[in-house]
Amino acid sequence: MSVLVAAPPIAPPPLARARPWWCEATAAEATDPVRALEFMLAGYAAPSPRLALRWLTDRARHLADHIDPPATGGWAPAAALRLRRAPDDGRDPAAALRAWAVDRGEHDQALAAMRDGRLYRFTVADRTHRYSLSVRPLILPHAPAAPQTPAPRP
């Protein structure tokens, strides 16, 4: 007498997924780099290097506008504004962030770092604060193996 035993179904191969990228915008005090706390201002898990770069560019502009709001931004009436010059030490993080947002060479370096699976970080500082934009590959644990059906009993 022969017994027919159905073979367990074969699980389809896992779908190929793009490596996710973790993007961060951070700020820290620059007065004491050893004891300074770094605060994450924003974070994003990008599904591709191009989207990661787009997010970093948007954050650079956003951060620059918060550090040094444009005078024509409508955030305050013109009569309320008084120009007060801070001591100039030659460092202007808002200008550096705006320049980075349009610098194709830096964008190419960021894309090359992502292609190689390395960290990319752009940091600017003034007398009191340090601002960073960074992107790194997100390391995810492997998906667990599909459960297997027990072998049939003889």
N, C-alpha and C. Protein backbone atom coordinates (compact mmCIF):
# COMPACT_ATOMS: atom_id res chain seq x y z
N MET A 1 0.84 -1.16 0.00
CA MET A 1 0.00 0.00 0.00
C MET A 1 0.90 1.24 0.00
N SER A 2 0.61 2.18 -0.84
CA SER A 2 1.42 3.39 -0.88
C SER A 2 0.62 4.56 -0.33
N VAL A 3 1.33 5.41 0.34
CA VAL A 3 0.70 6.58 0.94
C VAL A 3 1.26 7.82 0.26
N LEU A 4 0.41 8.68 -0.17
CA LEU A 4 0.84 9.94 -0.77
C LEU A 4 0.97 10.99 0.32
N VAL A 5 2.11 11.62 0.35
CA VAL A 5 2.35 12.67 1.34
C VAL A 5 2.60 13.96 0.57
N ALA A 6 1.87 14.98 0.90
CA ALA A 6 2.05 16.27 0.22
C ALA A 6 3.33 16.93 0.75
N ALA A 7 4.10 17.42 -0.18
CA ALA A 7 5.32 18.14 0.20
C ALA A 7 4.94 19.49 0.79
N PRO A 8 5.70 19.95 1.77
CA PRO A 8 5.38 21.27 2.34
C PRO A 8 5.56 22.34 1.27
N PRO A 9 4.75 23.37 1.34
CA PRO A 9 4.87 24.42 0.34
C PRO A 9 6.23 25.10 0.45
N ILE A 10 6.76 25.49 -0.69
CA ILE A 10 8.05 26.18 -0.72
C ILE A 10 7.77 27.67 -0.58
N ALA A 11 8.42 28.26 0.38
CA ALA A 11 8.24 29.70 0.61
C ALA A 11 8.86 30.48 -0.54
N PRO A 12 8.20 31.53 -1.00
CA PRO A 12 8.79 32.34 -2.07
C PRO A 12 10.04 33.04 -1.54
N PRO A 13 10.99 33.34 -2.42
CA PRO A 13 12.19 34.03 -1.95
C PRO A 13 11.82 35.41 -1.42
N PRO A 14 12.55 35.89 -0.42
CA PRO A 14 12.23 37.21 0.13
C PRO A 14 12.42 38.27 -0.95
N LEU A 15 11.59 39.28 -0.86
CA LEU A 15 11.70 40.38 -1.81
C LEU A 15 13.00 41.14 -1.56
N ALA A 16 13.65 41.53 -2.64
CA ALA A 16 14.88 42.31 -2.50
C ALA A 16 14.49 43.69 -1.97
N ARG A 17 15.11 44.09 -0.87
CA ARG A 17 14.82 45.39 -0.27
C ARG A 17 16.05 46.27 -0.34
N ALA A 18 15.80 47.53 -0.60
CA ALA A 18 16.91 48.48 -0.59
C ALA A 18 17.36 48.68 0.86
N ARG A 19 18.62 48.93 1.03
CA ARG A 19 19.14 49.18 2.37
C ARG A 19 18.60 50.52 2.86
N PRO A 20 18.02 50.56 4.05
CA PRO A 20 17.56 51.85 4.58
C PRO A 20 18.73 52.67 5.12
N TRP A 21 18.56 53.97 5.10
CA TRP A 21 19.59 54.91 5.56
C TRP A 21 19.01 55.77 6.66
N TRP A 22 19.77 55.91 7.76
CA TRP A 22 19.32 56.74 8.87
C TRP A 22 19.96 58.12 8.74
N CYS A 23 19.11 59.14 8.65
CA CYS A 23 19.56 60.52 8.52
C CYS A 23 19.26 61.25 9.82
N GLU A 24 20.18 62.14 10.22
CA GLU A 24 20.00 62.91 11.45
C GLU A 24 20.43 64.35 11.25
N ALA A 25 19.74 65.23 11.95
CA ALA A 25 20.17 66.61 12.12
C ALA A 25 20.32 66.80 13.62
N THR A 26 21.52 67.21 14.07
CA THR A 26 21.78 67.34 15.50
C THR A 26 22.37 68.70 15.83
N ALA A 27 22.28 69.06 17.10
CA ALA A 27 22.89 70.29 17.61
C ALA A 27 23.53 69.97 18.95
N ALA A 28 24.64 70.65 19.24
CA ALA A 28 25.35 70.46 20.51
C ALA A 28 26.02 71.77 20.90
N GLU A 29 26.32 71.89 22.17
CA GLU A 29 27.10 73.04 22.61
C GLU A 29 28.52 72.88 22.13
N ALA A 30 29.11 73.98 21.67
CA ALA A 30 30.48 73.93 21.18
C ALA A 30 31.47 74.44 22.22
N THR A 31 30.98 74.91 23.36
CA THR A 31 31.88 75.48 24.36
C THR A 31 32.75 74.42 25.04
N ASP A 32 32.18 73.28 25.34
CA ASP A 32 32.93 72.19 25.97
C ASP A 32 32.64 70.89 25.22
N PRO A 33 33.42 70.58 24.18
CA PRO A 33 33.10 69.42 23.35
C PRO A 33 33.16 68.08 24.09
N VAL A 34 33.87 68.02 25.21
CA VAL A 34 33.99 66.77 25.95
C VAL A 34 32.69 66.46 26.70
N ARG A 35 32.10 67.48 27.31
CA ARG A 35 30.92 67.27 28.13
C ARG A 35 29.63 67.71 27.45
N ALA A 36 29.70 68.19 26.23
CA ALA A 36 28.51 68.72 25.56
C ALA A 36 27.52 67.61 25.22
N LEU A 37 26.27 67.89 25.44
CA LEU A 37 25.21 66.97 25.06
C LEU A 37 24.82 67.26 23.61
N GLU A 38 24.60 66.21 22.85
CA GLU A 38 24.16 66.37 21.47
C GLU A 38 22.68 66.04 21.41
N PHE A 39 21.90 66.91 20.80
CA PHE A 39 20.46 66.74 20.71
C PHE A 39 20.07 66.46 19.27
N MET A 40 19.24 65.45 19.09
CA MET A 40 18.74 65.16 17.75
C MET A 40 17.58 66.10 17.47
N LEU A 41 17.71 66.91 16.43
CA LEU A 41 16.66 67.84 16.04
C LEU A 41 15.62 67.17 15.14
N ALA A 42 16.10 66.25 14.30
CA ALA A 42 15.20 65.54 13.39
C ALA A 42 15.89 64.27 12.92
N GLY A 43 15.10 63.28 12.56
CA GLY A 43 15.63 62.03 12.04
C GLY A 43 14.70 61.46 10.98
N TYR A 44 15.26 60.65 10.09
CA TYR A 44 14.48 60.09 8.99
C TYR A 44 15.13 58.82 8.51
N ALA A 45 14.34 57.77 8.32
CA ALA A 45 14.83 56.53 7.74
C ALA A 45 14.50 56.57 6.25
N ALA A 46 15.50 56.84 5.44
CA ALA A 46 15.31 56.98 4.00
C ALA A 46 15.44 55.63 3.32
N PRO A 47 14.56 55.32 2.37
CA PRO A 47 14.64 54.04 1.69
C PRO A 47 15.69 54.00 0.59
N SER A 48 16.26 55.16 0.21
CA SER A 48 17.27 55.17 -0.85
C SER A 48 18.26 56.31 -0.60
N PRO A 49 19.47 56.22 -1.18
CA PRO A 49 20.44 57.30 -1.01
C PRO A 49 19.95 58.64 -1.55
N ARG A 50 19.23 58.63 -2.67
CA ARG A 50 18.72 59.89 -3.24
C ARG A 50 17.72 60.56 -2.31
N LEU A 51 16.83 59.77 -1.70
CA LEU A 51 15.88 60.35 -0.76
C LEU A 51 16.58 60.82 0.51
N ALA A 52 17.62 60.13 0.93
CA ALA A 52 18.41 60.56 2.08
C ALA A 52 19.05 61.91 1.79
N LEU A 53 19.63 62.05 0.61
CA LEU A 53 20.27 63.31 0.23
C LEU A 53 19.24 64.43 0.12
N ARG A 54 18.07 64.13 -0.40
CA ARG A 54 17.02 65.15 -0.49
C ARG A 54 16.61 65.61 0.90
N TRP A 55 16.49 64.66 1.85
CA TRP A 55 16.12 65.02 3.21
C TRP A 55 17.21 65.88 3.86
N LEU A 56 18.47 65.49 3.69
CA LEU A 56 19.57 66.26 4.27
C LEU A 56 19.60 67.68 3.71
N THR A 57 19.36 67.82 2.41
CA THR A 57 19.36 69.15 1.78
C THR A 57 18.23 70.00 2.35
N ASP A 58 17.06 69.41 2.50
CA ASP A 58 15.93 70.13 3.07
C ASP A 58 16.22 70.53 4.51
N ARG A 59 16.81 69.62 5.29
CA ARG A 59 17.15 69.93 6.69
C ARG A 59 18.20 71.03 6.77
N ALA A 60 19.17 71.04 5.85
CA ALA A 60 20.21 72.07 5.86
C ALA A 60 19.57 73.45 5.68
N ARG A 61 18.66 73.56 4.73
CA ARG A 61 17.97 74.85 4.51
C ARG A 61 17.11 75.22 5.71
N HIS A 62 16.39 74.25 6.24
CA HIS A 62 15.52 74.49 7.39
C HIS A 62 16.32 74.94 8.61
N LEU A 63 17.41 74.25 8.88
CA LEU A 63 18.26 74.60 10.02
C LEU A 63 18.89 75.98 9.83
N ALA A 64 19.35 76.27 8.62
CA ALA A 64 19.94 77.59 8.34
C ALA A 64 18.92 78.70 8.59
N ASP A 65 17.67 78.48 8.19
CA ASP A 65 16.64 79.49 8.41
C ASP A 65 16.30 79.67 9.88
N HIS A 66 16.50 78.64 10.70
CA HIS A 66 16.27 78.78 12.13
C HIS A 66 17.46 79.45 12.84
N ILE A 67 18.66 79.20 12.34
CA ILE A 67 19.83 79.84 12.95
C ILE A 67 19.85 81.32 12.62
N ASP A 68 19.58 81.64 11.35
CA ASP A 68 19.63 83.02 10.87
C ASP A 68 18.44 83.24 9.94
N PRO A 69 17.28 83.62 10.49
CA PRO A 69 16.09 83.78 9.65
C PRO A 69 16.30 84.86 8.60
N PRO A 70 15.80 84.62 7.39
CA PRO A 70 15.92 85.65 6.37
C PRO A 70 15.09 86.87 6.76
N ALA A 71 15.59 88.06 6.48
CA ALA A 71 14.91 89.30 6.85
C ALA A 71 13.58 89.44 6.12
N THR A 72 13.47 88.84 4.95
CA THR A 72 12.24 88.96 4.16
C THR A 72 11.28 87.81 4.43
N GLY A 73 11.51 87.06 5.49
CA GLY A 73 10.72 85.88 5.77
C GLY A 73 9.35 86.14 6.33
N GLY A 74 9.05 87.36 6.72
CA GLY A 74 7.74 87.66 7.27
C GLY A 74 7.54 87.17 8.69
N TRP A 75 8.61 86.81 9.36
CA TRP A 75 8.48 86.28 10.72
C TRP A 75 8.33 87.39 11.75
N ALA A 76 8.64 88.65 11.37
CA ALA A 76 8.46 89.78 12.27
C ALA A 76 8.21 91.03 11.42
N PRO A 77 7.44 91.97 11.92
CA PRO A 77 7.23 93.21 11.16
C PRO A 77 8.55 93.96 11.00
N ALA A 78 8.71 94.62 9.87
CA ALA A 78 9.97 95.31 9.58
C ALA A 78 10.30 96.35 10.65
N ALA A 79 9.30 97.03 11.21
CA ALA A 79 9.55 98.05 12.24
C ALA A 79 10.10 97.44 13.52
N ALA A 80 9.87 96.15 13.74
CA ALA A 80 10.32 95.50 14.97
C ALA A 80 11.76 95.04 14.88
N LEU A 81 12.32 95.04 13.69
CA LEU A 81 13.68 94.52 13.53
C LEU A 81 14.72 95.61 13.76
N ARG A 82 15.73 95.28 14.53
CA ARG A 82 16.89 96.14 14.75
C ARG A 82 18.11 95.32 14.44
N LEU A 83 18.99 95.88 13.68
CA LEU A 83 20.21 95.15 13.32
C LEU A 83 21.21 95.27 14.46
N ARG A 84 21.62 94.16 15.00
CA ARG A 84 22.62 94.14 16.06
C ARG A 84 23.72 93.18 15.63
N ARG A 85 24.90 93.65 15.53
CA ARG A 85 26.02 92.82 15.08
C ARG A 85 26.62 92.07 16.26
N ALA A 86 26.72 90.76 16.08
CA ALA A 86 27.41 89.93 17.06
C ALA A 86 28.89 89.97 16.74
N PRO A 87 29.74 89.71 17.72
CA PRO A 87 31.17 89.65 17.42
C PRO A 87 31.43 88.63 16.32
N ASP A 88 32.12 89.06 15.27
CA ASP A 88 32.37 88.18 14.13
C ASP A 88 33.66 87.40 14.36
N ASP A 89 33.53 86.08 14.43
CA ASP A 89 34.72 85.24 14.56
C ASP A 89 34.99 84.50 13.26
N GLY A 90 34.31 84.91 12.17
CA GLY A 90 34.57 84.30 10.87
C GLY A 90 33.78 83.03 10.61
N ARG A 91 32.98 82.58 11.58
CA ARG A 91 32.20 81.35 11.39
C ARG A 91 30.73 81.70 11.29
N ASP A 92 30.12 81.30 10.21
CA ASP A 92 28.70 81.55 9.98
C ASP A 92 28.05 80.22 9.60
N PRO A 93 27.48 79.50 10.58
CA PRO A 93 26.93 78.18 10.28
C PRO A 93 25.75 78.24 9.31
N ALA A 94 24.93 79.29 9.38
CA ALA A 94 23.79 79.37 8.47
C ALA A 94 24.25 79.49 7.03
N ALA A 95 25.26 80.32 6.78
CA ALA A 95 25.78 80.47 5.42
C ALA A 95 26.42 79.16 4.94
N ALA A 96 27.12 78.47 5.83
CA ALA A 96 27.75 77.19 5.46
C ALA A 96 26.69 76.14 5.13
N LEU A 97 25.60 76.10 5.90
CA LEU A 97 24.52 75.15 5.62
C LEU A 97 23.83 75.46 4.30
N ARG A 98 23.61 76.76 4.03
CA ARG A 98 22.99 77.13 2.75
C ARG A 98 23.91 76.79 1.59
N ALA A 99 25.20 76.99 1.77
CA ALA A 99 26.16 76.65 0.71
C ALA A 99 26.20 75.13 0.49
N TRP A 100 26.16 74.36 1.57
CA TRP A 100 26.18 72.90 1.43
C TRP A 100 24.95 72.40 0.67
N ALA A 101 23.80 73.06 0.90
CA ALA A 101 22.56 72.62 0.27
C ALA A 101 22.61 72.68 -1.25
N VAL A 102 23.50 73.48 -1.83
CA VAL A 102 23.60 73.59 -3.29
C VAL A 102 24.95 73.11 -3.82
N ASP A 103 25.78 72.53 -2.97
CA ASP A 103 27.13 72.09 -3.37
C ASP A 103 27.07 70.68 -3.95
N ARG A 104 27.12 70.57 -5.27
CA ARG A 104 27.04 69.26 -5.95
C ARG A 104 28.23 68.37 -5.59
N GLY A 105 29.40 68.93 -5.37
CA GLY A 105 30.57 68.13 -5.00
C GLY A 105 30.38 67.44 -3.66
N GLU A 106 29.84 68.16 -2.67
CA GLU A 106 29.56 67.55 -1.37
C GLU A 106 28.47 66.50 -1.48
N HIS A 107 27.48 66.77 -2.33
CA HIS A 107 26.41 65.78 -2.51
C HIS A 107 26.97 64.50 -3.13
N ASP A 108 27.90 64.64 -4.07
CA ASP A 108 28.53 63.46 -4.67
C ASP A 108 29.32 62.68 -3.62
N GLN A 109 29.99 63.40 -2.71
CA GLN A 109 30.73 62.72 -1.64
C GLN A 109 29.77 61.96 -0.71
N ALA A 110 28.63 62.57 -0.41
CA ALA A 110 27.65 61.90 0.45
C ALA A 110 27.11 60.65 -0.23
N LEU A 111 26.81 60.74 -1.53
CA LEU A 111 26.31 59.57 -2.26
C LEU A 111 27.37 58.47 -2.35
N ALA A 112 28.64 58.87 -2.53
CA ALA A 112 29.72 57.87 -2.57
C ALA A 112 29.87 57.17 -1.22
N ALA A 113 29.75 57.91 -0.13
CA ALA A 113 29.83 57.30 1.21
C ALA A 113 28.68 56.32 1.40
N MET A 114 27.49 56.70 0.98
CA MET A 114 26.35 55.79 1.12
C MET A 114 26.53 54.55 0.25
N ARG A 115 27.04 54.74 -0.96
CA ARG A 115 27.27 53.60 -1.85
C ARG A 115 28.25 52.61 -1.22
N ASP A 116 29.26 53.14 -0.50
CA ASP A 116 30.26 52.29 0.15
C ASP A 116 29.83 51.81 1.53
N GLY A 117 28.63 52.22 1.99
CA GLY A 117 28.14 51.79 3.30
C GLY A 117 28.84 52.49 4.46
N ARG A 118 29.32 53.72 4.24
CA ARG A 118 30.02 54.47 5.29
C ARG A 118 29.17 55.62 5.81
N LEU A 119 29.56 56.13 6.95
CA LEU A 119 28.95 57.32 7.54
C LEU A 119 29.37 58.55 6.75
N TYR A 120 28.44 59.48 6.52
CA TYR A 120 28.76 60.79 5.97
C TYR A 120 28.25 61.81 6.98
N ARG A 121 29.11 62.78 7.34
CA ARG A 121 28.72 63.81 8.30
C ARG A 121 29.23 65.16 7.83
N PHE A 122 28.35 66.16 7.90
CA PHE A 122 28.71 67.54 7.61
C PHE A 122 28.46 68.33 8.88
N THR A 123 29.47 69.00 9.40
CA THR A 123 29.37 69.71 10.67
C THR A 123 29.83 71.15 10.50
N VAL A 124 29.06 72.08 11.09
CA VAL A 124 29.43 73.49 11.13
C VAL A 124 29.29 73.96 12.57
N ALA A 125 30.01 75.02 12.91
CA ALA A 125 29.97 75.50 14.29
C ALA A 125 30.15 77.01 14.33
N ASP A 126 29.62 77.60 15.38
CA ASP A 126 29.92 78.99 15.69
C ASP A 126 30.54 79.00 17.09
N ARG A 127 30.53 80.13 17.75
CA ARG A 127 31.19 80.20 19.06
C ARG A 127 30.48 79.36 20.12
N THR A 128 29.18 79.16 19.97
CA THR A 128 28.44 78.50 21.05
C THR A 128 27.84 77.14 20.70
N HIS A 129 27.59 76.88 19.42
CA HIS A 129 26.91 75.64 19.05
C HIS A 129 27.57 74.95 17.86
N ARG A 130 27.33 73.65 17.79
CA ARG A 130 27.81 72.83 16.67
C ARG A 130 26.58 72.13 16.08
N TYR A 131 26.45 72.19 14.76
CA TYR A 131 25.32 71.59 14.05
C TYR A 131 25.85 70.54 13.09
N SER A 132 25.18 69.38 13.03
CA SER A 132 25.63 68.30 12.15
C SER A 132 24.46 67.71 11.37
N LEU A 133 24.77 67.35 10.14
CA LEU A 133 23.88 66.56 9.30
C LEU A 133 24.63 65.28 9.02
N SER A 134 23.98 64.13 9.19
CA SER A 134 24.68 62.87 8.95
C SER A 134 23.73 61.84 8.36
N VAL A 135 24.34 60.87 7.69
CA VAL A 135 23.60 59.73 7.14
C VAL A 135 24.49 58.51 7.26
N ARG A 136 23.87 57.39 7.66
CA ARG A 136 24.60 56.12 7.82
C ARG A 136 23.67 54.98 7.45
N PRO A 137 24.23 53.85 7.06
CA PRO A 137 23.35 52.71 6.76
C PRO A 137 22.72 52.19 8.04
N LEU A 138 21.47 51.83 7.93
CA LEU A 138 20.77 51.22 9.05
C LEU A 138 21.02 49.72 9.00
N ILE A 139 21.51 49.16 10.07
CA ILE A 139 21.77 47.74 10.14
C ILE A 139 20.54 47.08 10.75
N LEU A 140 19.89 46.25 9.97
CA LEU A 140 18.70 45.56 10.44
C LEU A 140 19.02 44.09 10.65
N PRO A 141 18.45 43.47 11.67
CA PRO A 141 18.68 42.03 11.85
C PRO A 141 18.05 41.27 10.69
N HIS A 142 18.61 40.12 10.41
CA HIS A 142 18.07 39.28 9.35
C HIS A 142 16.66 38.85 9.73
N ALA A 143 15.83 38.69 8.73
CA ALA A 143 14.47 38.22 8.97
C ALA A 143 14.53 36.78 9.45
N PRO A 144 13.70 36.41 10.39
CA PRO A 144 13.72 35.02 10.86
C PRO A 144 13.33 34.07 9.73
N ALA A 145 13.84 32.87 9.81
CA ALA A 145 13.53 31.87 8.79
C ALA A 145 12.05 31.53 8.85
N ALA A 146 11.50 31.20 7.71
CA ALA A 146 10.09 30.84 7.65
C ALA A 146 9.88 29.55 8.45
N PRO A 147 8.79 29.48 9.18
CA PRO A 147 8.54 28.25 9.96
C PRO A 147 8.36 27.07 9.02
N GLN A 148 8.89 25.94 9.42
CA GLN A 148 8.79 24.74 8.60
C GLN A 148 7.76 23.80 9.20
N THR A 149 7.10 23.10 8.32
CA THR A 149 6.11 22.13 8.81
C THR A 149 6.86 20.90 9.31
N PRO A 150 6.33 20.24 10.31
CA PRO A 150 7.01 19.05 10.82
C PRO A 150 6.99 17.93 9.76
N ALA A 151 7.96 17.08 9.84
CA ALA A 151 8.03 15.95 8.92
C ALA A 151 6.89 14.99 9.20
N PRO A 152 6.34 14.38 8.15
CA PRO A 152 5.24 13.44 8.38
C PRO A 152 5.72 12.21 9.13
N ARG A 153 4.88 11.65 9.93
CA ARG A 153 5.20 10.43 10.68
C ARG A 153 5.06 9.23 9.76
N PRO A 154 5.97 8.29 9.87
CA PRO A 154 5.85 7.09 9.03
C PRO A 154 4.72 6.19 9.44
